[in-house]
Amino acid sequence: MIALYGDPDRDLLRNSSGTVWSCRHLGDSGVMVVDAKEISAVVAMVPHPTHTLGEDWRGWMFVVEKPGLDVAEMGGQMQDFEEDDNGEIGDEE
């Protein structure tokens, strides 16, 4: 299931040199089911902080690509898993 958003705010997009995509959700008509194989990217839509930007930004969301991936990669130790002869997955030793 995905949620669709409208066009980005043109002024903010232009003033940010194309880096801040701020959009509004399309409501119930913007929710749809798609084949998972059709998804090419995962993004998060984060609400603008109205306590600093003002009430004019209530309901506006900005795009954050791959939320958490950069932090996960900085997390340090990576653990590899390997399938054993019985098809079970366990820690690689």
PDB file of N, CA and C in Angstrom:
ATOM      1  N   MET A   1       0.840  -1.160   0.000  1.00  0.00           N
ATOM      2  CA  MET A   1       0.000   0.000   0.000  1.00  0.00           C
ATOM      3  C   MET A   1       0.894   1.235   0.000  1.00  0.00           C
ATOM      4  N   ILE A   2       0.557   2.191  -0.827  1.00  0.00           N
ATOM      5  CA  ILE A   2       1.318   3.436  -0.907  1.00  0.00           C
ATOM      6  C   ILE A   2       0.378   4.621  -0.718  1.00  0.00           C
ATOM      7  N   ALA A   3       0.964   5.739  -0.375  1.00  0.00           N
ATOM      8  CA  ALA A   3       0.213   6.983  -0.238  1.00  0.00           C
ATOM      9  C   ALA A   3       0.761   7.975  -1.256  1.00  0.00           C
ATOM     10  N   LEU A   4      -0.135   8.554  -2.023  1.00  0.00           N
ATOM     11  CA  LEU A   4       0.273   9.519  -3.040  1.00  0.00           C
ATOM     12  C   LEU A   4       0.147  10.936  -2.503  1.00  0.00           C
ATOM     13  N   TYR A   5       1.024  11.801  -2.987  1.00  0.00           N
ATOM     14  CA  TYR A   5       1.039  13.205  -2.584  1.00  0.00           C
ATOM     15  C   TYR A   5       0.924  14.087  -3.816  1.00  0.00           C
ATOM     16  N   GLY A   6       0.496  15.308  -3.617  1.00  0.00           N
ATOM     17  CA  GLY A   6       0.363  16.259  -4.706  1.00  0.00           C
ATOM     18  C   GLY A   6       1.705  16.808  -5.146  1.00  0.00           C
ATOM     19  N   ASP A   7       1.645  17.752  -6.063  1.00  0.00           N
ATOM     20  CA  ASP A   7       2.864  18.393  -6.565  1.00  0.00           C
ATOM     21  C   ASP A   7       3.573  19.154  -5.449  1.00  0.00           C
ATOM     22  N   PRO A   8       4.897  19.249  -5.520  1.00  0.00           N
ATOM     23  CA  PRO A   8       5.636  19.991  -4.490  1.00  0.00           C
ATOM     24  C   PRO A   8       5.365  21.487  -4.560  1.00  0.00           C
ATOM     25  N   ASP A   9       5.542  22.158  -3.434  1.00  0.00           N
ATOM     26  CA  ASP A   9       5.433  23.616  -3.387  1.00  0.00           C
ATOM     27  C   ASP A   9       6.536  24.179  -4.290  1.00  0.00           C
ATOM     28  N   ARG A  10       6.124  24.866  -5.343  1.00  0.00           N
ATOM     29  CA  ARG A  10       7.078  25.335  -6.358  1.00  0.00           C
ATOM     30  C   ARG A  10       8.074  26.345  -5.816  1.00  0.00           C
ATOM     31  N   ASP A  11       7.614  27.265  -4.983  1.00  0.00           N
ATOM     32  CA  ASP A  11       8.527  28.282  -4.440  1.00  0.00           C
ATOM     33  C   ASP A  11       9.606  27.656  -3.570  1.00  0.00           C
ATOM     34  N   LEU A  12       9.199  26.760  -2.671  1.00  0.00           N
ATOM     35  CA  LEU A  12      10.171  26.111  -1.796  1.00  0.00           C
ATOM     36  C   LEU A  12      11.135  25.250  -2.599  1.00  0.00           C
ATOM     37  N   LEU A  13      10.618  24.547  -3.584  1.00  0.00           N
ATOM     38  CA  LEU A  13      11.474  23.713  -4.428  1.00  0.00           C
ATOM     39  C   LEU A  13      12.500  24.570  -5.166  1.00  0.00           C
ATOM     40  N   ARG A  14      12.057  25.691  -5.724  1.00  0.00           N
ATOM     41  CA  ARG A  14      12.967  26.596  -6.443  1.00  0.00           C
ATOM     42  C   ARG A  14      13.969  27.242  -5.485  1.00  0.00           C
ATOM     43  N   ASN A  15      13.485  27.751  -4.348  1.00  0.00           N
ATOM     44  CA  ASN A  15      14.368  28.429  -3.392  1.00  0.00           C
ATOM     45  C   ASN A  15      15.385  27.495  -2.740  1.00  0.00           C
ATOM     46  N   SER A  16      15.084  26.197  -2.730  1.00  0.00           N
ATOM     47  CA  SER A  16      16.017  25.223  -2.140  1.00  0.00           C
ATOM     48  C   SER A  16      16.874  24.552  -3.210  1.00  0.00           C
ATOM     49  N   SER A  17      16.890  25.125  -4.396  1.00  0.00           N
ATOM     50  CA  SER A  17      17.650  24.564  -5.534  1.00  0.00           C
ATOM     51  C   SER A  17      17.254  23.117  -5.814  1.00  0.00           C
ATOM     52  N   GLY A  18      15.968  22.820  -5.652  1.00  0.00           N
ATOM     53  CA  GLY A  18      15.453  21.491  -5.973  1.00  0.00           C
ATOM     54  C   GLY A  18      15.695  20.430  -4.927  1.00  0.00           C
ATOM     55  N   THR A  19      16.062  20.838  -3.703  1.00  0.00           N
ATOM     56  CA  THR A  19      16.380  19.830  -2.684  1.00  0.00           C
ATOM     57  C   THR A  19      15.252  19.558  -1.697  1.00  0.00           C
ATOM     58  N   VAL A  20      14.344  20.503  -1.481  1.00  0.00           N
ATOM     59  CA  VAL A  20      13.248  20.293  -0.520  1.00  0.00           C
ATOM     60  C   VAL A  20      11.942  20.122  -1.285  1.00  0.00           C
ATOM     61  N   TRP A  21      11.431  18.894  -1.266  1.00  0.00           N
ATOM     62  CA  TRP A  21      10.167  18.565  -1.908  1.00  0.00           C
ATOM     63  C   TRP A  21       9.106  18.530  -0.820  1.00  0.00           C
ATOM     64  N   SER A  22       8.275  19.549  -0.777  1.00  0.00           N
ATOM     65  CA  SER A  22       7.231  19.665   0.233  1.00  0.00           C
ATOM     66  C   SER A  22       5.870  19.524  -0.446  1.00  0.00           C
ATOM     67  N   CYS A  23       5.090  18.542   0.012  1.00  0.00           N
ATOM     68  CA  CYS A  23       3.832  18.201  -0.653  1.00  0.00           C
ATOM     69  C   CYS A  23       2.720  18.000   0.378  1.00  0.00           C
ATOM     70  N   ARG A  24       1.490  17.932  -0.109  1.00  0.00           N
ATOM     71  CA  ARG A  24       0.336  17.611   0.726  1.00  0.00           C
ATOM     72  C   ARG A  24      -0.213  16.261   0.281  1.00  0.00           C
ATOM     73  N   HIS A  25      -0.682  15.480   1.259  1.00  0.00           N
ATOM     74  CA  HIS A  25      -1.271  14.173   0.977  1.00  0.00           C
ATOM     75  C   HIS A  25      -2.574  14.363   0.212  1.00  0.00           C
ATOM     76  N   LEU A  26      -2.875  13.451  -0.698  1.00  0.00           N
ATOM     77  CA  LEU A  26      -4.078  13.557  -1.512  1.00  0.00           C
ATOM     78  C   LEU A  26      -5.325  13.002  -0.819  1.00  0.00           C
ATOM     79  N   GLY A  27      -5.185  12.609   0.445  1.00  0.00           N
ATOM     80  CA  GLY A  27      -6.346  12.089   1.172  1.00  0.00           C
ATOM     81  C   GLY A  27      -6.650  10.653   0.794  1.00  0.00           C
ATOM     82  N   ASP A  28      -7.895  10.245   1.030  1.00  0.00           N
ATOM     83  CA  ASP A  28      -8.284   8.857   0.760  1.00  0.00           C
ATOM     84  C   ASP A  28      -8.076   8.464  -0.698  1.00  0.00           C
ATOM     85  N   SER A  29      -8.240   9.403  -1.610  1.00  0.00           N
ATOM     86  CA  SER A  29      -8.052   9.088  -3.032  1.00  0.00           C
ATOM     87  C   SER A  29      -6.584   8.857  -3.373  1.00  0.00           C
ATOM     88  N   GLY A  30      -5.677   9.212  -2.458  1.00  0.00           N
ATOM     89  CA  GLY A  30      -4.250   9.040  -2.697  1.00  0.00           C
ATOM     90  C   GLY A  30      -3.676   7.802  -2.062  1.00  0.00           C
ATOM     91  N   VAL A  31      -4.532   6.873  -1.614  1.00  0.00           N
ATOM     92  CA  VAL A  31      -4.056   5.620  -1.024  1.00  0.00           C
ATOM     93  C   VAL A  31      -4.385   4.500  -1.998  1.00  0.00           C
ATOM     94  N   MET A  32      -3.388   3.699  -2.332  1.00  0.00           N
ATOM     95  CA  MET A  32      -3.634   2.618  -3.279  1.00  0.00           C
ATOM     96  C   MET A  32      -2.711   1.435  -3.030  1.00  0.00           C
ATOM     97  N   VAL A  33      -3.113   0.291  -3.541  1.00  0.00           N
ATOM     98  CA  VAL A  33      -2.340  -0.941  -3.425  1.00  0.00           C
ATOM     99  C   VAL A  33      -1.610  -1.148  -4.746  1.00  0.00           C
ATOM    100  N   VAL A  34      -0.315  -1.456  -4.642  1.00  0.00           N
ATOM    101  CA  VAL A  34       0.490  -1.725  -5.839  1.00  0.00           C
ATOM    102  C   VAL A  34       1.260  -3.020  -5.637  1.00  0.00           C
ATOM    103  N   ASP A  35       1.694  -3.601  -6.720  1.00  0.00           N
ATOM    104  CA  ASP A  35       2.546  -4.784  -6.666  1.00  0.00           C
ATOM    105  C   ASP A  35       3.889  -4.361  -6.079  1.00  0.00           C
ATOM    106  N   ALA A  36       4.364  -5.055  -5.077  1.00  0.00           N
ATOM    107  CA  ALA A  36       5.621  -4.698  -4.408  1.00  0.00           C
ATOM    108  C   ALA A  36       6.791  -4.635  -5.385  1.00  0.00           C
ATOM    109  N   LYS A  37       6.739  -5.393  -6.467  1.00  0.00           N
ATOM    110  CA  LYS A  37       7.816  -5.390  -7.455  1.00  0.00           C
ATOM    111  C   LYS A  37       7.873  -4.079  -8.227  1.00  0.00           C
ATOM    112  N   GLU A  38       6.814  -3.289  -8.157  1.00  0.00           N
ATOM    113  CA  GLU A  38       6.763  -2.002  -8.855  1.00  0.00           C
ATOM    114  C   GLU A  38       7.403  -0.875  -8.051  1.00  0.00           C
ATOM    115  N   ILE A  39       7.722  -1.131  -6.781  1.00  0.00           N
ATOM    116  CA  ILE A  39       8.297  -0.096  -5.917  1.00  0.00           C
ATOM    117  C   ILE A  39       9.788   0.018  -6.204  1.00  0.00           C
ATOM    118  N   SER A  40      10.225   1.225  -6.586  1.00  0.00           N
ATOM    119  CA  SER A  40      11.634   1.411  -6.938  1.00  0.00           C
ATOM    120  C   SER A  40      12.408   2.176  -5.872  1.00  0.00           C
ATOM    121  N   ALA A  41      11.708   2.800  -4.921  1.00  0.00           N
ATOM    122  CA  ALA A  41      12.384   3.545  -3.861  1.00  0.00           C
ATOM    123  C   ALA A  41      11.452   3.663  -2.664  1.00  0.00           C
ATOM    124  N   VAL A  42      12.044   3.827  -1.509  1.00  0.00           N
ATOM    125  CA  VAL A  42      11.271   4.025  -0.282  1.00  0.00           C
ATOM    126  C   VAL A  42      11.650   5.379   0.287  1.00  0.00           C
ATOM    127  N   VAL A  43      10.649   6.181   0.573  1.00  0.00           N
ATOM    128  CA  VAL A  43      10.870   7.494   1.165  1.00  0.00           C
ATOM    129  C   VAL A  43       9.939   7.647   2.359  1.00  0.00           C
ATOM    130  N   ALA A  44      10.232   8.610   3.179  1.00  0.00           N
ATOM    131  CA  ALA A  44       9.332   8.976   4.279  1.00  0.00           C
ATOM    132  C   ALA A  44       8.825  10.379   4.006  1.00  0.00           C
ATOM    133  N   MET A  45       7.604  10.628   4.387  1.00  0.00           N
ATOM    134  CA  MET A  45       7.041  11.966   4.301  1.00  0.00           C
ATOM    135  C   MET A  45       6.942  12.479   5.732  1.00  0.00           C
ATOM    136  N   VAL A  46       7.742  13.475   6.047  1.00  0.00           N
ATOM    137  CA  VAL A  46       7.879  13.988   7.410  1.00  0.00           C
ATOM    138  C   VAL A  46       7.167  15.334   7.514  1.00  0.00           C
ATOM    139  N   PRO A  47       6.334  15.509   8.536  1.00  0.00           N
ATOM    140  CA  PRO A  47       5.637  16.801   8.658  1.00  0.00           C
ATOM    141  C   PRO A  47       6.590  17.943   8.973  1.00  0.00           C
ATOM    142  N   HIS A  48       6.307  19.087   8.367  1.00  0.00           N
ATOM    143  CA  HIS A  48       7.074  20.287   8.694  1.00  0.00           C
ATOM    144  C   HIS A  48       6.767  20.690  10.143  1.00  0.00           C
ATOM    145  N   PRO A  49       7.765  21.150  10.880  1.00  0.00           N
ATOM    146  CA  PRO A  49       7.530  21.564  12.275  1.00  0.00           C
ATOM    147  C   PRO A  49       6.805  22.913  12.324  1.00  0.00           C
ATOM    148  N   THR A  50       5.520  22.878  12.609  1.00  0.00           N
ATOM    149  CA  THR A  50       4.740  24.118  12.633  1.00  0.00           C
ATOM    150  C   THR A  50       5.117  25.011  13.813  1.00  0.00           C
ATOM    151  N   HIS A  51       5.716  24.439  14.851  1.00  0.00           N
ATOM    152  CA  HIS A  51       6.114  25.271  15.999  1.00  0.00           C
ATOM    153  C   HIS A  51       7.249  26.230  15.639  1.00  0.00           C
ATOM    154  N   THR A  52       8.011  25.922  14.581  1.00  0.00           N
ATOM    155  CA  THR A  52       9.067  26.845  14.152  1.00  0.00           C
ATOM    156  C   THR A  52       8.728  27.548  12.839  1.00  0.00           C
ATOM    157  N   LEU A  53       8.009  26.873  11.960  1.00  0.00           N
ATOM    158  CA  LEU A  53       7.703  27.451  10.652  1.00  0.00           C
ATOM    159  C   LEU A  53       6.369  28.192  10.615  1.00  0.00           C
ATOM    160  N   GLY A  54       5.485  27.883  11.541  1.00  0.00           N
ATOM    161  CA  GLY A  54       4.181  28.535  11.572  1.00  0.00           C
ATOM    162  C   GLY A  54       3.069  27.643  11.047  1.00  0.00           C
ATOM    163  N   GLU A  55       1.860  28.052  11.328  1.00  0.00           N
ATOM    164  CA  GLU A  55       0.678  27.262  10.985  1.00  0.00           C
ATOM    165  C   GLU A  55       0.448  27.140   9.483  1.00  0.00           C
ATOM    166  N   ASP A  56       1.036  28.007   8.683  1.00  0.00           N
ATOM    167  CA  ASP A  56       0.879  27.894   7.229  1.00  0.00           C
ATOM    168  C   ASP A  56       1.401  26.560   6.700  1.00  0.00           C
ATOM    169  N   TRP A  57       2.295  25.925   7.460  1.00  0.00           N
ATOM    170  CA  TRP A  57       2.889  24.664   7.015  1.00  0.00           C
ATOM    171  C   TRP A  57       2.179  23.445   7.578  1.00  0.00           C
ATOM    172  N   ARG A  58       1.096  23.639   8.318  1.00  0.00           N
ATOM    173  CA  ARG A  58       0.335  22.496   8.849  1.00  0.00           C
ATOM    174  C   ARG A  58      -0.206  21.687   7.671  1.00  0.00           C
ATOM    175  N   GLY A  59      -0.004  20.376   7.717  1.00  0.00           N
ATOM    176  CA  GLY A  59      -0.464  19.489   6.650  1.00  0.00           C
ATOM    177  C   GLY A  59       0.530  19.289   5.522  1.00  0.00           C
ATOM    178  N   TRP A  60       1.600  20.064   5.529  1.00  0.00           N
ATOM    179  CA  TRP A  60       2.640  19.902   4.512  1.00  0.00           C
ATOM    180  C   TRP A  60       3.693  18.926   5.013  1.00  0.00           C
ATOM    181  N   MET A  61       4.164  18.067   4.128  1.00  0.00           N
ATOM    182  CA  MET A  61       5.170  17.060   4.458  1.00  0.00           C
ATOM    183  C   MET A  61       6.339  17.204   3.492  1.00  0.00           C
ATOM    184  N   PHE A  62       7.546  16.886   3.974  1.00  0.00           N
ATOM    185  CA  PHE A  62       8.700  16.921   3.074  1.00  0.00           C
ATOM    186  C   PHE A  62       9.298  15.530   2.935  1.00  0.00           C
ATOM    187  N   VAL A  63       9.906  15.288   1.790  1.00  0.00           N
ATOM    188  CA  VAL A  63      10.443  13.975   1.434  1.00  0.00           C
ATOM    189  C   VAL A  63      11.794  13.749   2.104  1.00  0.00           C
ATOM    190  N   VAL A  64      11.948  12.560   2.694  1.00  0.00           N
ATOM    191  CA  VAL A  64      13.237  12.109   3.225  1.00  0.00           C
ATOM    192  C   VAL A  64      13.501  10.751   2.586  1.00  0.00           C
ATOM    193  N   GLU A  65      14.578  10.653   1.806  1.00  0.00           N
ATOM    194  CA  GLU A  65      14.894   9.405   1.132  1.00  0.00           C
ATOM    195  C   GLU A  65      15.580   8.421   2.057  1.00  0.00           C
ATOM    196  N   LYS A  66      15.240   7.147   1.919  1.00  0.00           N
ATOM    197  CA  LYS A  66      15.855   6.052   2.668  1.00  0.00           C
ATOM    198  C   LYS A  66      16.006   6.389   4.141  1.00  0.00           C
ATOM    199  N   PRO A  67      14.909   6.658   4.836  1.00  0.00           N
ATOM    200  CA  PRO A  67      15.010   7.046   6.245  1.00  0.00           C
ATOM    201  C   PRO A  67      15.685   5.974   7.093  1.00  0.00           C
ATOM    202  N   GLY A  68      16.701   6.369   7.811  1.00  0.00           N
ATOM    203  CA  GLY A  68      17.389   5.461   8.720  1.00  0.00           C
ATOM    204  C   GLY A  68      18.516   4.675   8.093  1.00  0.00           C
ATOM    205  N   LEU A  69      18.571   4.589   6.778  1.00  0.00           N
ATOM    206  CA  LEU A  69      19.607   3.781   6.137  1.00  0.00           C
ATOM    207  C   LEU A  69      20.993   4.335   6.429  1.00  0.00           C
ATOM    208  N   ASP A  70      21.139   5.672   6.385  1.00  0.00           N
ATOM    209  CA  ASP A  70      22.449   6.253   6.655  1.00  0.00           C
ATOM    210  C   ASP A  70      22.890   5.971   8.083  1.00  0.00           C
ATOM    211  N   VAL A  71      21.969   5.992   9.012  1.00  0.00           N
ATOM    212  CA  VAL A  71      22.296   5.705  10.411  1.00  0.00           C
ATOM    213  C   VAL A  71      22.616   4.229  10.584  1.00  0.00           C
ATOM    214  N   ALA A  72      21.874   3.361   9.914  1.00  0.00           N
ATOM    215  CA  ALA A  72      22.121   1.923  10.010  1.00  0.00           C
ATOM    216  C   ALA A  72      23.512   1.577   9.497  1.00  0.00           C
ATOM    217  N   GLU A  73      23.942   2.248   8.444  1.00  0.00           N
ATOM    218  CA  GLU A  73      25.266   1.986   7.896  1.00  0.00           C
ATOM    219  C   GLU A  73      26.363   2.491   8.821  1.00  0.00           C
ATOM    220  N   MET A  74      26.074   3.505   9.642  1.00  0.00           N
ATOM    221  CA  MET A  74      27.061   4.046  10.570  1.00  0.00           C
ATOM    222  C   MET A  74      27.114   3.241  11.860  1.00  0.00           C
ATOM    223  N   GLY A  75      26.189   2.309  12.022  1.00  0.00           N
ATOM    224  CA  GLY A  75      26.026   1.585  13.270  1.00  0.00           C
ATOM    225  C   GLY A  75      27.202   0.738  13.687  1.00  0.00           C
ATOM    226  N   GLY A  76      28.120   0.484  12.805  1.00  0.00           N
ATOM    227  CA  GLY A  76      29.311  -0.264  13.205  1.00  0.00           C
ATOM    228  C   GLY A  76      29.288  -1.683  12.685  1.00  0.00           C
ATOM    229  N   GLN A  77      29.283  -2.642  13.590  1.00  0.00           N
ATOM    230  CA  GLN A  77      29.455  -4.036  13.253  1.00  0.00           C
ATOM    231  C   GLN A  77      28.326  -4.562  12.369  1.00  0.00           C
ATOM    232  N   MET A  78      28.712  -5.227  11.291  1.00  0.00           N
ATOM    233  CA  MET A  78      27.758  -5.891  10.418  1.00  0.00           C
ATOM    234  C   MET A  78      27.842  -7.379  10.708  1.00  0.00           C
ATOM    235  N   GLN A  79      26.707  -8.061  10.665  1.00  0.00           N
ATOM    236  CA  GLN A  79      26.688  -9.485  10.956  1.00  0.00           C
ATOM    237  C   GLN A  79      26.211 -10.229   9.722  1.00  0.00           C
ATOM    238  N   ASP A  80      26.989 -11.205   9.284  1.00  0.00           N
ATOM    239  CA  ASP A  80      26.615 -12.017   8.142  1.00  0.00           C
ATOM    240  C   ASP A  80      25.934 -13.289   8.632  1.00  0.00           C
ATOM    241  N   PHE A  81      24.974 -13.749   7.859  1.00  0.00           N
ATOM    242  CA  PHE A  81      24.279 -14.982   8.188  1.00  0.00           C
ATOM    243  C   PHE A  81      24.489 -15.961   7.052  1.00  0.00           C
ATOM    244  N   GLU A  82      24.574 -17.225   7.413  1.00  0.00           N
ATOM    245  CA  GLU A  82      24.841 -18.259   6.424  1.00  0.00           C
ATOM    246  C   GLU A  82      23.864 -19.400   6.630  1.00  0.00           C
ATOM    247  N   GLU A  83      23.416 -19.992   5.524  1.00  0.00           N
ATOM    248  CA  GLU A  83      22.496 -21.120   5.590  1.00  0.00           C
ATOM    249  C   GLU A  83      23.301 -22.395   5.813  1.00  0.00           C
ATOM    250  N   ASP A  84      22.861 -23.227   6.782  1.00  0.00           N
ATOM    251  CA  ASP A  84      23.577 -24.484   7.029  1.00  0.00           C
ATOM    252  C   ASP A  84      23.037 -25.589   6.132  1.00  0.00           C
ATOM    253  N   ASP A  85      23.540 -26.828   6.306  1.00  0.00           N
ATOM    254  CA  ASP A  85      23.135 -27.950   5.459  1.00  0.00           C
ATOM    255  C   ASP A  85      21.652 -28.274   5.577  1.00  0.00           C
ATOM    256  N   ASN A  86      21.019 -27.912   6.687  1.00  0.00           N
ATOM    257  CA  ASN A  86      19.596 -28.179   6.904  1.00  0.00           C
ATOM    258  C   ASN A  86      18.710 -27.044   6.399  1.00  0.00           C
ATOM    259  N   GLY A  87      19.306 -26.026   5.787  1.00  0.00           N
ATOM    260  CA  GLY A  87      18.535 -24.908   5.273  1.00  0.00           C
ATOM    261  C   GLY A  87      18.202 -23.853   6.333  1.00  0.00           C
ATOM    262  N   GLU A  88      18.779 -24.022   7.534  1.00  0.00           N
ATOM    263  CA  GLU A  88      18.525 -23.059   8.598  1.00  0.00           C
ATOM    264  C   GLU A  88      19.558 -21.945   8.559  1.00  0.00           C
ATOM    265  N   ILE A  89      19.133 -20.771   8.914  1.00  0.00           N
ATOM    266  CA  ILE A  89      20.028 -19.610   8.882  1.00  0.00           C
ATOM    267  C   ILE A  89      20.572 -19.359  10.288  1.00  0.00           C
ATOM    268  N   GLY A  90      21.879 -19.157  10.387  1.00  0.00           N
ATOM    269  CA  GLY A  90      22.510 -18.898  11.663  1.00  0.00           C
ATOM    270  C   GLY A  90      23.673 -17.957  11.489  1.00  0.00           C
ATOM    271  N   ASP A  91      24.300 -17.598  12.598  1.00  0.00           N
ATOM    272  CA  ASP A  91      25.471 -16.715  12.537  1.00  0.00           C
ATOM    273  C   ASP A  91      26.603 -17.417  11.813  1.00  0.00           C
ATOM    274  N   GLU A  92      27.311 -16.633  11.007  1.00  0.00           N
ATOM    275  CA  GLU A  92      28.495 -17.156  10.328  1.00  0.00           C
ATOM    276  C   GLU A  92      29.626 -17.171  11.329  1.00  0.00           C
ATOM    277  N   GLU A  93      30.344 -18.267  11.450  1.00  0.00           N
ATOM    278  CA  GLU A  93      31.438 -18.343  12.423  1.00  0.00           C
ATOM    279  C   GLU A  93      32.778 -18.411  11.763  1.00  0.00           C
TER     280      GLU A  93
END
